[in-house]
Amino acid sequence: MAVFPRMGYHGATVRDLASAGGITVPTLYYYHGDKQRILFDLLRLGLRELLDRAAQARASVAPDVDAELDRMVEVAVLHVVHRRQLATIESETRFLEPHNRAEYLAMRSQFDDQFLEIIERGVDEGLFRLSYPREACRAILGMIHSVAMWYQPAGSLSPPEVAHRHVRAARRIVGASLVDDGRSAGGSGSSWGPPA
């Protein structure tokens, strides 16, 4: 997690990875496979955590599109903030071999499709006012992904503040009400914390 964000996939050597893990190169190959496998496993680890947290977030609110959108944005932003190294590695997906890339993108679509489903349901219910749900979904996901590029733990915004601002921005994108009713980030009672 530390090496790929710092050096990039092609810049990192197997020796760099082994050294960061405090193991020998043969040990790395024996237990973890090659560099491609390590990249794939890290990407999958981050995505599985995000999918698990998204499922918990959606289960914690009534089936209401406003609340679900808020919680999905919140949990995604907090994932990027707390698991920044894993989120940064997302940009290395272009280096996955075709079969690994296809498997990863299929998993990734599970998360993206949840956002799209919420947005489309909000449009159908007349709560979200927009003409292009798929493009709105892409805009929200892109906005969330960009947090990994600029967020600094020592910066002026706390993780809940970053999440709250992104919830409000997402609600603007979909044309939803901006009434702050305590369900948005910072007021939702989210128990998100970095994994141990």
N, C-alpha and C. Protein backbone atom coordinates (compact mmCIF):
# COMPACT_ATOMS: atom_id res chain seq x y z
N MET A 1 0.83 -1.21 0.00
CA MET A 1 0.00 0.00 0.00
C MET A 1 0.86 1.26 0.00
N ALA A 2 2.04 1.19 0.59
CA ALA A 2 2.89 2.38 0.66
C ALA A 2 3.70 2.56 -0.63
N VAL A 3 4.08 1.47 -1.26
CA VAL A 3 5.01 1.55 -2.39
C VAL A 3 4.33 2.02 -3.67
N PHE A 4 3.22 1.42 -4.05
CA PHE A 4 2.58 1.78 -5.32
C PHE A 4 2.15 3.25 -5.39
N PRO A 5 1.54 3.81 -4.33
CA PRO A 5 1.19 5.23 -4.42
C PRO A 5 2.41 6.13 -4.56
N ARG A 6 3.51 5.75 -3.94
CA ARG A 6 4.71 6.58 -3.97
C ARG A 6 5.49 6.43 -5.27
N MET A 7 5.59 5.20 -5.79
CA MET A 7 6.46 4.94 -6.93
C MET A 7 5.72 4.59 -8.21
N GLY A 8 4.43 4.30 -8.09
CA GLY A 8 3.68 3.86 -9.26
C GLY A 8 3.94 2.39 -9.53
N TYR A 9 3.03 1.79 -10.30
CA TYR A 9 3.16 0.35 -10.57
C TYR A 9 4.44 0.03 -11.33
N HIS A 10 4.70 0.77 -12.41
CA HIS A 10 5.89 0.46 -13.20
C HIS A 10 7.17 0.90 -12.52
N GLY A 11 7.10 1.94 -11.70
CA GLY A 11 8.30 2.41 -11.00
C GLY A 11 8.72 1.51 -9.86
N ALA A 12 7.78 0.79 -9.29
CA ALA A 12 8.08 -0.08 -8.15
C ALA A 12 8.64 -1.41 -8.63
N THR A 13 9.68 -1.87 -8.00
CA THR A 13 10.24 -3.18 -8.31
C THR A 13 9.77 -4.18 -7.27
N VAL A 14 9.93 -5.44 -7.58
CA VAL A 14 9.60 -6.49 -6.62
C VAL A 14 10.49 -6.34 -5.39
N ARG A 15 11.74 -5.92 -5.60
CA ARG A 15 12.64 -5.69 -4.47
C ARG A 15 12.11 -4.57 -3.57
N ASP A 16 11.56 -3.51 -4.17
CA ASP A 16 10.97 -2.42 -3.37
C ASP A 16 9.81 -2.95 -2.52
N LEU A 17 8.97 -3.77 -3.14
CA LEU A 17 7.82 -4.32 -2.42
C LEU A 17 8.26 -5.23 -1.28
N ALA A 18 9.24 -6.09 -1.55
CA ALA A 18 9.73 -7.00 -0.52
C ALA A 18 10.36 -6.22 0.63
N SER A 19 11.16 -5.20 0.28
CA SER A 19 11.81 -4.40 1.31
C SER A 19 10.79 -3.69 2.19
N ALA A 20 9.75 -3.12 1.59
CA ALA A 20 8.71 -2.44 2.36
C ALA A 20 7.98 -3.41 3.28
N GLY A 21 7.86 -4.66 2.86
CA GLY A 21 7.20 -5.67 3.68
C GLY A 21 8.12 -6.34 4.67
N GLY A 22 9.41 -6.00 4.62
CA GLY A 22 10.37 -6.60 5.54
C GLY A 22 10.61 -8.08 5.27
N ILE A 23 10.50 -8.48 3.99
CA ILE A 23 10.72 -9.88 3.62
C ILE A 23 11.67 -9.95 2.43
N THR A 24 12.12 -11.13 2.13
CA THR A 24 13.01 -11.32 0.98
C THR A 24 12.18 -11.43 -0.30
N VAL A 25 12.84 -11.23 -1.42
CA VAL A 25 12.15 -11.35 -2.71
C VAL A 25 11.59 -12.76 -2.90
N PRO A 26 12.35 -13.83 -2.61
CA PRO A 26 11.77 -15.17 -2.76
C PRO A 26 10.55 -15.40 -1.86
N THR A 27 10.59 -14.84 -0.66
CA THR A 27 9.44 -14.98 0.25
C THR A 27 8.22 -14.27 -0.33
N LEU A 28 8.44 -13.08 -0.89
CA LEU A 28 7.33 -12.35 -1.50
C LEU A 28 6.71 -13.17 -2.62
N TYR A 29 7.55 -13.72 -3.50
CA TYR A 29 7.02 -14.52 -4.60
C TYR A 29 6.27 -15.75 -4.08
N TYR A 30 6.80 -16.37 -3.04
CA TYR A 30 6.19 -17.59 -2.51
C TYR A 30 4.80 -17.31 -1.93
N TYR A 31 4.69 -16.25 -1.13
CA TYR A 31 3.43 -15.99 -0.43
C TYR A 31 2.47 -15.08 -1.19
N HIS A 32 3.00 -14.21 -2.01
CA HIS A 32 2.14 -13.19 -2.61
C HIS A 32 2.11 -13.21 -4.13
N GLY A 33 2.93 -14.00 -4.76
CA GLY A 33 2.96 -14.02 -6.21
C GLY A 33 3.74 -12.84 -6.76
N ASP A 34 3.50 -12.53 -8.00
CA ASP A 34 4.26 -11.46 -8.65
C ASP A 34 3.65 -10.08 -8.38
N LYS A 35 4.28 -9.07 -8.95
CA LYS A 35 3.85 -7.68 -8.73
C LYS A 35 2.42 -7.46 -9.22
N GLN A 36 2.05 -8.08 -10.33
CA GLN A 36 0.69 -7.96 -10.86
C GLN A 36 -0.33 -8.47 -9.85
N ARG A 37 -0.03 -9.60 -9.24
CA ARG A 37 -0.96 -10.19 -8.27
C ARG A 37 -1.09 -9.30 -7.04
N ILE A 38 0.00 -8.70 -6.62
CA ILE A 38 -0.04 -7.82 -5.46
C ILE A 38 -0.92 -6.60 -5.76
N LEU A 39 -0.75 -6.02 -6.94
CA LEU A 39 -1.59 -4.89 -7.33
C LEU A 39 -3.06 -5.30 -7.33
N PHE A 40 -3.37 -6.41 -7.94
CA PHE A 40 -4.76 -6.87 -8.02
C PHE A 40 -5.32 -7.12 -6.62
N ASP A 41 -4.55 -7.77 -5.77
CA ASP A 41 -5.02 -8.07 -4.41
C ASP A 41 -5.27 -6.79 -3.61
N LEU A 42 -4.41 -5.78 -3.77
CA LEU A 42 -4.62 -4.52 -3.06
C LEU A 42 -5.87 -3.80 -3.56
N LEU A 43 -6.04 -3.78 -4.87
CA LEU A 43 -7.25 -3.16 -5.43
C LEU A 43 -8.50 -3.86 -4.94
N ARG A 44 -8.46 -5.19 -4.93
CA ARG A 44 -9.62 -5.97 -4.49
C ARG A 44 -9.88 -5.76 -3.00
N LEU A 45 -8.82 -5.66 -2.20
CA LEU A 45 -8.97 -5.42 -0.77
C LEU A 45 -9.71 -4.11 -0.53
N GLY A 46 -9.27 -3.04 -1.20
CA GLY A 46 -9.93 -1.75 -1.03
C GLY A 46 -11.38 -1.78 -1.45
N LEU A 47 -11.65 -2.43 -2.57
CA LEU A 47 -13.02 -2.48 -3.08
C LEU A 47 -13.92 -3.33 -2.19
N ARG A 48 -13.42 -4.43 -1.68
CA ARG A 48 -14.23 -5.26 -0.77
C ARG A 48 -14.59 -4.49 0.49
N GLU A 49 -13.62 -3.75 1.03
CA GLU A 49 -13.91 -2.94 2.21
C GLU A 49 -14.99 -1.92 1.89
N LEU A 50 -14.88 -1.26 0.75
CA LEU A 50 -15.86 -0.25 0.36
C LEU A 50 -17.24 -0.87 0.16
N LEU A 51 -17.31 -2.01 -0.49
CA LEU A 51 -18.60 -2.68 -0.69
C LEU A 51 -19.23 -3.09 0.64
N ASP A 52 -18.41 -3.60 1.56
CA ASP A 52 -18.92 -3.97 2.88
C ASP A 52 -19.47 -2.76 3.62
N ARG A 53 -18.72 -1.67 3.59
CA ARG A 53 -19.15 -0.46 4.30
C ARG A 53 -20.40 0.14 3.65
N ALA A 54 -20.47 0.07 2.32
CA ALA A 54 -21.65 0.58 1.62
C ALA A 54 -22.89 -0.22 2.00
N ALA A 55 -22.74 -1.55 2.09
CA ALA A 55 -23.86 -2.39 2.49
C ALA A 55 -24.32 -2.05 3.91
N GLN A 56 -23.37 -1.84 4.81
CA GLN A 56 -23.72 -1.47 6.19
C GLN A 56 -24.40 -0.11 6.22
N ALA A 57 -23.90 0.83 5.42
CA ALA A 57 -24.47 2.18 5.40
C ALA A 57 -25.90 2.16 4.90
N ARG A 58 -26.15 1.43 3.83
CA ARG A 58 -27.51 1.38 3.28
C ARG A 58 -28.45 0.66 4.22
N ALA A 59 -27.96 -0.35 4.91
CA ALA A 59 -28.80 -1.10 5.85
C ALA A 59 -29.14 -0.28 7.09
N SER A 60 -28.35 0.77 7.34
CA SER A 60 -28.55 1.55 8.56
C SER A 60 -29.61 2.63 8.43
N VAL A 61 -30.14 2.81 7.21
CA VAL A 61 -31.18 3.82 7.00
C VAL A 61 -32.41 3.18 6.37
N ALA A 62 -33.53 3.86 6.51
CA ALA A 62 -34.76 3.38 5.86
C ALA A 62 -34.56 3.43 4.35
N PRO A 63 -35.30 2.62 3.59
CA PRO A 63 -35.18 2.65 2.13
C PRO A 63 -35.74 3.95 1.57
N ASP A 64 -34.94 4.99 1.69
CA ASP A 64 -35.32 6.35 1.30
C ASP A 64 -34.17 6.88 0.47
N VAL A 65 -34.44 7.34 -0.76
CA VAL A 65 -33.35 7.69 -1.66
C VAL A 65 -32.48 8.84 -1.14
N ASP A 66 -33.07 9.81 -0.47
CA ASP A 66 -32.27 10.90 0.08
C ASP A 66 -31.26 10.36 1.09
N ALA A 67 -31.75 9.57 2.04
CA ALA A 67 -30.87 9.03 3.08
C ALA A 67 -29.83 8.08 2.49
N GLU A 68 -30.24 7.26 1.52
CA GLU A 68 -29.31 6.31 0.93
C GLU A 68 -28.21 7.03 0.15
N LEU A 69 -28.58 8.04 -0.61
CA LEU A 69 -27.57 8.80 -1.34
C LEU A 69 -26.58 9.44 -0.37
N ASP A 70 -27.11 10.07 0.67
CA ASP A 70 -26.23 10.71 1.66
C ASP A 70 -25.25 9.71 2.25
N ARG A 71 -25.76 8.57 2.67
CA ARG A 71 -24.90 7.59 3.33
C ARG A 71 -23.89 6.97 2.37
N MET A 72 -24.30 6.73 1.11
CA MET A 72 -23.37 6.18 0.13
C MET A 72 -22.22 7.15 -0.15
N VAL A 73 -22.56 8.43 -0.32
CA VAL A 73 -21.50 9.43 -0.55
C VAL A 73 -20.62 9.52 0.68
N GLU A 74 -21.24 9.58 1.84
CA GLU A 74 -20.47 9.69 3.09
C GLU A 74 -19.49 8.53 3.24
N VAL A 75 -19.98 7.32 3.08
CA VAL A 75 -19.12 6.16 3.32
C VAL A 75 -18.01 6.10 2.26
N ALA A 76 -18.31 6.49 1.02
CA ALA A 76 -17.29 6.46 -0.03
C ALA A 76 -16.21 7.50 0.23
N VAL A 77 -16.61 8.70 0.64
CA VAL A 77 -15.62 9.74 0.93
C VAL A 77 -14.77 9.34 2.13
N LEU A 78 -15.41 8.84 3.17
CA LEU A 78 -14.64 8.44 4.36
C LEU A 78 -13.71 7.26 4.04
N HIS A 79 -14.12 6.39 3.16
CA HIS A 79 -13.23 5.30 2.73
C HIS A 79 -11.99 5.89 2.06
N VAL A 80 -12.19 6.84 1.15
CA VAL A 80 -11.05 7.45 0.46
C VAL A 80 -10.14 8.16 1.45
N VAL A 81 -10.73 8.87 2.41
CA VAL A 81 -9.94 9.62 3.39
C VAL A 81 -9.15 8.68 4.30
N HIS A 82 -9.81 7.66 4.84
CA HIS A 82 -9.16 6.79 5.81
C HIS A 82 -8.29 5.71 5.16
N ARG A 83 -8.59 5.36 3.94
CA ARG A 83 -7.80 4.35 3.23
C ARG A 83 -7.17 4.97 1.99
N ARG A 84 -6.56 6.13 2.19
CA ARG A 84 -6.06 6.94 1.08
C ARG A 84 -5.08 6.19 0.20
N GLN A 85 -4.20 5.40 0.80
CA GLN A 85 -3.23 4.65 -0.01
C GLN A 85 -3.95 3.68 -0.94
N LEU A 86 -4.93 2.96 -0.41
CA LEU A 86 -5.69 2.04 -1.27
C LEU A 86 -6.46 2.80 -2.34
N ALA A 87 -7.03 3.95 -1.97
CA ALA A 87 -7.77 4.74 -2.95
C ALA A 87 -6.85 5.28 -4.04
N THR A 88 -5.64 5.64 -3.67
CA THR A 88 -4.68 6.15 -4.64
C THR A 88 -4.27 5.07 -5.63
N ILE A 89 -4.20 3.84 -5.17
CA ILE A 89 -3.81 2.72 -6.03
C ILE A 89 -4.83 2.50 -7.14
N GLU A 90 -6.06 2.98 -6.93
CA GLU A 90 -7.11 2.85 -7.95
C GLU A 90 -6.64 3.36 -9.32
N SER A 91 -5.79 4.38 -9.30
CA SER A 91 -5.31 4.93 -10.58
C SER A 91 -4.40 3.96 -11.33
N GLU A 92 -3.96 2.92 -10.66
CA GLU A 92 -3.06 1.94 -11.28
C GLU A 92 -3.83 0.80 -11.97
N THR A 93 -5.15 0.87 -11.96
CA THR A 93 -5.94 -0.20 -12.59
C THR A 93 -5.61 -0.35 -14.07
N ARG A 94 -5.14 0.72 -14.68
CA ARG A 94 -4.80 0.64 -16.11
C ARG A 94 -3.67 -0.34 -16.39
N PHE A 95 -2.93 -0.73 -15.35
CA PHE A 95 -1.81 -1.65 -15.53
C PHE A 95 -2.18 -3.10 -15.24
N LEU A 96 -3.45 -3.33 -14.91
CA LEU A 96 -3.88 -4.71 -14.69
C LEU A 96 -3.90 -5.47 -16.02
N GLU A 97 -3.52 -6.73 -15.96
CA GLU A 97 -3.63 -7.58 -17.14
C GLU A 97 -5.11 -7.78 -17.45
N PRO A 98 -5.44 -8.07 -18.72
CA PRO A 98 -6.86 -8.10 -19.13
C PRO A 98 -7.78 -8.92 -18.24
N HIS A 99 -7.38 -10.14 -17.85
CA HIS A 99 -8.28 -10.96 -17.03
C HIS A 99 -8.46 -10.37 -15.63
N ASN A 100 -7.38 -9.82 -15.05
CA ASN A 100 -7.49 -9.18 -13.74
C ASN A 100 -8.32 -7.90 -13.83
N ARG A 101 -8.12 -7.15 -14.89
CA ARG A 101 -8.86 -5.91 -15.08
C ARG A 101 -10.36 -6.19 -15.22
N ALA A 102 -10.69 -7.21 -15.99
CA ALA A 102 -12.11 -7.55 -16.18
C ALA A 102 -12.75 -7.95 -14.86
N GLU A 103 -12.04 -8.75 -14.07
CA GLU A 103 -12.58 -9.18 -12.77
C GLU A 103 -12.74 -7.99 -11.83
N TYR A 104 -11.73 -7.12 -11.81
CA TYR A 104 -11.80 -5.96 -10.93
C TYR A 104 -12.93 -5.01 -11.35
N LEU A 105 -13.04 -4.74 -12.62
CA LEU A 105 -14.08 -3.83 -13.09
C LEU A 105 -15.48 -4.38 -12.85
N ALA A 106 -15.62 -5.71 -12.92
CA ALA A 106 -16.92 -6.33 -12.60
C ALA A 106 -17.27 -6.09 -11.14
N MET A 107 -16.27 -6.20 -10.26
CA MET A 107 -16.50 -5.90 -8.84
C MET A 107 -16.81 -4.42 -8.65
N ARG A 108 -16.06 -3.58 -9.34
CA ARG A 108 -16.24 -2.13 -9.21
C ARG A 108 -17.64 -1.72 -9.63
N SER A 109 -18.16 -2.39 -10.65
CA SER A 109 -19.49 -2.03 -11.13
C SER A 109 -20.57 -2.33 -10.08
N GLN A 110 -20.30 -3.26 -9.17
CA GLN A 110 -21.25 -3.53 -8.09
C GLN A 110 -21.47 -2.27 -7.25
N PHE A 111 -20.39 -1.55 -7.00
CA PHE A 111 -20.50 -0.31 -6.22
C PHE A 111 -21.13 0.80 -7.05
N ASP A 112 -20.61 1.01 -8.25
CA ASP A 112 -21.11 2.08 -9.12
C ASP A 112 -22.60 1.90 -9.41
N ASP A 113 -23.01 0.65 -9.65
CA ASP A 113 -24.42 0.38 -9.96
C ASP A 113 -25.35 0.73 -8.80
N GLN A 114 -24.85 0.61 -7.56
CA GLN A 114 -25.69 1.00 -6.41
C GLN A 114 -25.98 2.49 -6.45
N PHE A 115 -24.97 3.29 -6.77
CA PHE A 115 -25.17 4.73 -6.90
C PHE A 115 -26.19 5.03 -7.98
N LEU A 116 -26.01 4.40 -9.13
CA LEU A 116 -26.92 4.66 -10.26
C LEU A 116 -28.35 4.27 -9.91
N GLU A 117 -28.51 3.14 -9.23
CA GLU A 117 -29.85 2.68 -8.86
C GLU A 117 -30.53 3.68 -7.93
N ILE A 118 -29.78 4.23 -6.98
CA ILE A 118 -30.35 5.22 -6.05
C ILE A 118 -30.76 6.47 -6.82
N ILE A 119 -29.89 6.93 -7.70
CA ILE A 119 -30.17 8.15 -8.47
C ILE A 119 -31.40 7.94 -9.36
N GLU A 120 -31.45 6.81 -10.06
CA GLU A 120 -32.60 6.56 -10.95
C GLU A 120 -33.89 6.45 -10.15
N ARG A 121 -33.82 5.84 -8.97
CA ARG A 121 -35.02 5.74 -8.13
C ARG A 121 -35.46 7.13 -7.67
N GLY A 122 -34.49 7.98 -7.33
CA GLY A 122 -34.81 9.34 -6.93
C GLY A 122 -35.47 10.13 -8.05
N VAL A 123 -35.02 9.91 -9.28
CA VAL A 123 -35.65 10.56 -10.44
C VAL A 123 -37.07 10.04 -10.60
N ASP A 124 -37.24 8.72 -10.55
CA ASP A 124 -38.57 8.11 -10.71
C ASP A 124 -39.55 8.61 -9.65
N GLU A 125 -39.05 8.84 -8.43
CA GLU A 125 -39.91 9.30 -7.34
C GLU A 125 -40.11 10.81 -7.34
N GLY A 126 -39.46 11.49 -8.28
CA GLY A 126 -39.60 12.94 -8.38
C GLY A 126 -38.81 13.72 -7.34
N LEU A 127 -37.90 13.05 -6.64
CA LEU A 127 -37.10 13.72 -5.61
C LEU A 127 -35.80 14.29 -6.16
N PHE A 128 -35.28 13.70 -7.23
CA PHE A 128 -34.07 14.19 -7.87
C PHE A 128 -34.48 14.77 -9.22
N ARG A 129 -34.03 15.97 -9.48
CA ARG A 129 -34.40 16.65 -10.71
C ARG A 129 -33.18 16.74 -11.63
N LEU A 130 -33.09 15.79 -12.53
CA LEU A 130 -31.99 15.79 -13.49
C LEU A 130 -32.39 14.97 -14.70
N SER A 131 -31.76 15.25 -15.81
CA SER A 131 -32.09 14.56 -17.06
C SER A 131 -31.18 13.39 -17.38
N TYR A 132 -29.99 13.38 -16.81
CA TYR A 132 -29.00 12.37 -17.18
C TYR A 132 -28.45 11.66 -15.94
N PRO A 133 -29.18 10.67 -15.42
CA PRO A 133 -28.74 9.98 -14.21
C PRO A 133 -27.35 9.35 -14.31
N ARG A 134 -27.05 8.72 -15.44
CA ARG A 134 -25.76 8.04 -15.58
C ARG A 134 -24.60 9.05 -15.51
N GLU A 135 -24.77 10.19 -16.15
CA GLU A 135 -23.72 11.21 -16.12
C GLU A 135 -23.59 11.82 -14.72
N ALA A 136 -24.71 11.99 -14.04
CA ALA A 136 -24.67 12.48 -12.66
C ALA A 136 -23.93 11.50 -11.77
N CYS A 137 -24.19 10.21 -11.98
CA CYS A 137 -23.51 9.17 -11.22
C CYS A 137 -22.00 9.25 -11.45
N ARG A 138 -21.60 9.39 -12.71
CA ARG A 138 -20.16 9.49 -13.02
C ARG A 138 -19.55 10.72 -12.37
N ALA A 139 -20.28 11.83 -12.40
CA ALA A 139 -19.76 13.07 -11.80
C ALA A 139 -19.54 12.90 -10.29
N ILE A 140 -20.49 12.28 -9.62
CA ILE A 140 -20.36 12.07 -8.17
C ILE A 140 -19.20 11.13 -7.87
N LEU A 141 -19.11 10.04 -8.60
CA LEU A 141 -18.03 9.08 -8.36
C LEU A 141 -16.67 9.71 -8.65
N GLY A 142 -16.58 10.51 -9.70
CA GLY A 142 -15.32 11.19 -10.01
C GLY A 142 -14.93 12.18 -8.93
N MET A 143 -15.92 12.91 -8.42
CA MET A 143 -15.68 13.87 -7.35
C MET A 143 -15.14 13.16 -6.10
N ILE A 144 -15.74 12.01 -5.79
CA ILE A 144 -15.30 11.25 -4.61
C ILE A 144 -13.89 10.72 -4.82
N HIS A 145 -13.63 10.16 -5.99
CA HIS A 145 -12.30 9.60 -6.26
C HIS A 145 -11.21 10.67 -6.17
N SER A 146 -11.54 11.90 -6.56
CA SER A 146 -10.53 12.97 -6.56
C SER A 146 -10.07 13.34 -5.15
N VAL A 147 -10.83 12.99 -4.14
CA VAL A 147 -10.44 13.30 -2.76
C VAL A 147 -9.07 12.70 -2.44
N ALA A 148 -8.77 11.54 -2.98
CA ALA A 148 -7.48 10.90 -2.73
C ALA A 148 -6.31 11.76 -3.22
N MET A 149 -6.56 12.60 -4.21
CA MET A 149 -5.49 13.42 -4.77
C MET A 149 -5.20 14.68 -3.95
N TRP A 150 -6.20 15.21 -3.24
CA TRP A 150 -5.96 16.47 -2.57
C TRP A 150 -6.06 16.41 -1.04
N TYR A 151 -6.72 15.42 -0.50
CA TYR A 151 -6.94 15.40 0.95
C TYR A 151 -5.61 15.21 1.70
N GLN A 152 -5.43 16.00 2.74
CA GLN A 152 -4.27 15.87 3.63
C GLN A 152 -4.78 15.78 5.06
N PRO A 153 -4.36 14.74 5.80
CA PRO A 153 -4.84 14.61 7.19
C PRO A 153 -4.56 15.85 8.05
N ALA A 154 -3.48 16.57 7.74
CA ALA A 154 -3.15 17.76 8.54
C ALA A 154 -3.84 19.01 8.00
N GLY A 155 -4.71 18.85 7.01
CA GLY A 155 -5.40 19.99 6.41
C GLY A 155 -6.46 20.59 7.32
N SER A 156 -7.16 21.58 6.79
CA SER A 156 -8.12 22.32 7.61
C SER A 156 -9.45 21.61 7.80
N LEU A 157 -9.74 20.57 6.99
CA LEU A 157 -11.02 19.87 7.09
C LEU A 157 -10.85 18.50 7.74
N SER A 158 -11.74 18.20 8.67
CA SER A 158 -11.75 16.87 9.27
C SER A 158 -12.42 15.90 8.30
N PRO A 159 -12.23 14.60 8.45
CA PRO A 159 -12.92 13.64 7.58
C PRO A 159 -14.43 13.84 7.54
N PRO A 160 -15.12 14.02 8.68
CA PRO A 160 -16.57 14.25 8.59
C PRO A 160 -16.93 15.52 7.83
N GLU A 161 -16.10 16.55 7.94
CA GLU A 161 -16.37 17.79 7.20
C GLU A 161 -16.22 17.58 5.70
N VAL A 162 -15.18 16.84 5.31
CA VAL A 162 -14.99 16.54 3.89
C VAL A 162 -16.19 15.76 3.37
N ALA A 163 -16.62 14.75 4.13
CA ALA A 163 -17.77 13.94 3.73
C ALA A 163 -19.03 14.80 3.63
N HIS A 164 -19.25 15.65 4.62
CA HIS A 164 -20.45 16.50 4.64
C HIS A 164 -20.50 17.40 3.39
N ARG A 165 -19.39 17.99 3.04
CA ARG A 165 -19.36 18.87 1.86
C ARG A 165 -19.62 18.09 0.57
N HIS A 166 -19.13 16.87 0.52
CA HIS A 166 -19.36 16.06 -0.67
C HIS A 166 -20.80 15.56 -0.75
N VAL A 167 -21.40 15.30 0.39
CA VAL A 167 -22.83 14.95 0.40
C VAL A 167 -23.63 16.10 -0.17
N ARG A 168 -23.35 17.32 0.28
CA ARG A 168 -24.08 18.48 -0.22
C ARG A 168 -23.84 18.68 -1.72
N ALA A 169 -22.61 18.50 -2.16
CA ALA A 169 -22.31 18.65 -3.60
C ALA A 169 -23.05 17.59 -4.41
N ALA A 170 -23.09 16.36 -3.91
CA ALA A 170 -23.79 15.28 -4.62
C ALA A 170 -25.29 15.59 -4.70
N ARG A 171 -25.84 16.13 -3.62
CA ARG A 171 -27.26 16.48 -3.63
C ARG A 171 -27.54 17.58 -4.65
N ARG A 172 -26.62 18.51 -4.82
CA ARG A 172 -26.78 19.54 -5.85
C ARG A 172 -26.74 18.92 -7.25
N ILE A 173 -25.82 17.99 -7.45
CA ILE A 173 -25.67 17.35 -8.76
C ILE A 173 -26.97 16.67 -9.18
N VAL A 174 -27.63 16.01 -8.23
CA VAL A 174 -28.86 15.29 -8.59
C VAL A 174 -30.11 16.16 -8.46
N GLY A 175 -29.94 17.40 -8.03
CA GLY A 175 -31.10 18.29 -7.93
C GLY A 175 -31.97 17.98 -6.74
N ALA A 176 -31.36 17.48 -5.67
CA ALA A 176 -32.12 17.15 -4.46
C ALA A 176 -32.14 18.35 -3.51
N SER A 177 -33.04 18.31 -2.56
CA SER A 177 -33.14 19.35 -1.55
C SER A 177 -31.87 19.39 -0.73
N LEU A 178 -31.47 20.60 -0.32
CA LEU A 178 -30.28 20.75 0.52
C LEU A 178 -30.62 20.98 1.98
N VAL A 179 -31.84 20.70 2.36
CA VAL A 179 -32.23 20.86 3.77
C VAL A 179 -31.34 19.96 4.60
N ASP A 180 -30.68 20.55 5.60
CA ASP A 180 -29.78 19.78 6.45
C ASP A 180 -30.60 19.20 7.60
N ASP A 181 -31.02 17.95 7.41
CA ASP A 181 -31.92 17.34 8.39
C ASP A 181 -31.23 16.37 9.32
N GLY A 182 -29.89 16.44 9.38
CA GLY A 182 -29.18 15.55 10.29
C GLY A 182 -28.84 14.22 9.69
N ARG A 183 -29.30 13.93 8.45
CA ARG A 183 -28.99 12.64 7.84
C ARG A 183 -27.70 12.70 7.04
N SER A 184 -27.25 13.91 6.72
CA SER A 184 -26.06 14.03 5.91
C SER A 184 -24.82 13.79 6.75
N ALA A 185 -23.68 13.71 6.08
CA ALA A 185 -22.42 13.37 6.74
C ALA A 185 -22.18 14.31 7.90
N GLY A 186 -21.62 13.78 8.95
CA GLY A 186 -21.37 14.55 10.14
C GLY A 186 -22.55 14.50 11.09
N GLY A 187 -23.75 14.29 10.57
CA GLY A 187 -24.92 14.24 11.41
C GLY A 187 -25.59 12.88 11.37
N SER A 188 -25.02 11.95 10.64
CA SER A 188 -25.66 10.67 10.46
C SER A 188 -25.31 9.67 11.54
N GLY A 189 -24.32 10.01 12.34
CA GLY A 189 -23.91 9.07 13.36
C GLY A 189 -23.07 7.94 12.80
N SER A 190 -22.45 8.17 11.66
CA SER A 190 -21.64 7.13 11.05
C SER A 190 -20.53 6.71 11.99
N SER A 191 -20.31 5.42 12.08
CA SER A 191 -19.25 4.90 12.93
C SER A 191 -18.02 4.52 12.12
N TRP A 192 -17.90 5.09 10.92
CA TRP A 192 -16.76 4.76 10.06
C TRP A 192 -15.49 5.14 10.78
N GLY A 193 -14.56 4.22 10.78
CA GLY A 193 -13.23 4.51 11.30
C GLY A 193 -12.25 3.68 10.51
N PRO A 194 -11.00 4.07 10.54
CA PRO A 194 -10.02 3.31 9.78
C PRO A 194 -9.92 1.88 10.30
N PRO A 195 -9.76 0.90 9.41
CA PRO A 195 -9.63 -0.49 9.85
C PRO A 195 -8.42 -0.64 10.77
N ALA A 196 -8.51 -1.58 11.67
CA ALA A 196 -7.40 -1.80 12.62
C ALA A 196 -6.20 -2.36 11.89
